[in-house]
């Protein structure tokens, strides 16, 4: 199968040239209680491929909560640092699975890990990652920041800042940020736009506080949308569909 690569410019109407997509590990479970649902992985890979075909440079950070969560491991008595390292390894497993799905679709993909493991993926090297994206390759950043006590949300904000991304996208279970959990509260309202400080002040749980603060400092807008809605990723790139944007402007 021909590999999708090149340095094409974004199609007309595309709002961002380079983005980072953060997907939780739980989003890849589908209806399972644990692990990966290949159908869901393939669906997310299709979403990424559609955006690459629009000429957008794409990178990803995938959580590891479908396999292991460091916080839960620590809560059960495990040393927090050790639990977090196990969680980082889980993100590598998810990254390699997504790489396999993307490359079956003809999308050239590289996995870069913050914890060196040269037998299975590249080490994280900032300039090499940028070059991969300039060539039209998808780069999946694995193993978080490489340090315990930091979430993959923070890793996503960090990598988006380092890559000079125009936007950080959070693919979630719902189509934006709500006043309450829409699955539990029927009359919960969706925000169209929020300020970084509003998210922090109201403890809206979009991403952890350090991720929001880093995005604010780097002036990277955060767009929250449903990763399970077909075509939603490409629609958001074109300013369409349902999503919540978080930036400095709240009017």
Foldseek 3Di string as FASTA:
>chain_A
DAADWAQDAAAPLFDWQEEEEEEEPVQQCVPHQADGDLVSLLLLLVLVVVRLVRNHQYEYEYWQVRHADLVVVVVVPDDSFVRLQVRLVSRVVVVLSSCVSNVVVRYAEFEAECDDDPVRHHHDDLVVCLVCSSGSHYYYYTSQNVGTPDGNLQSQLVSCLSNVTQAYEYADQAAEFWPDPCVVDVPIDHAQEEELVVCVVSVSPPDDNNSSVSCQVSQHKYKYGHSPDRNPSVQVSSVDDGIYIYGHDDD
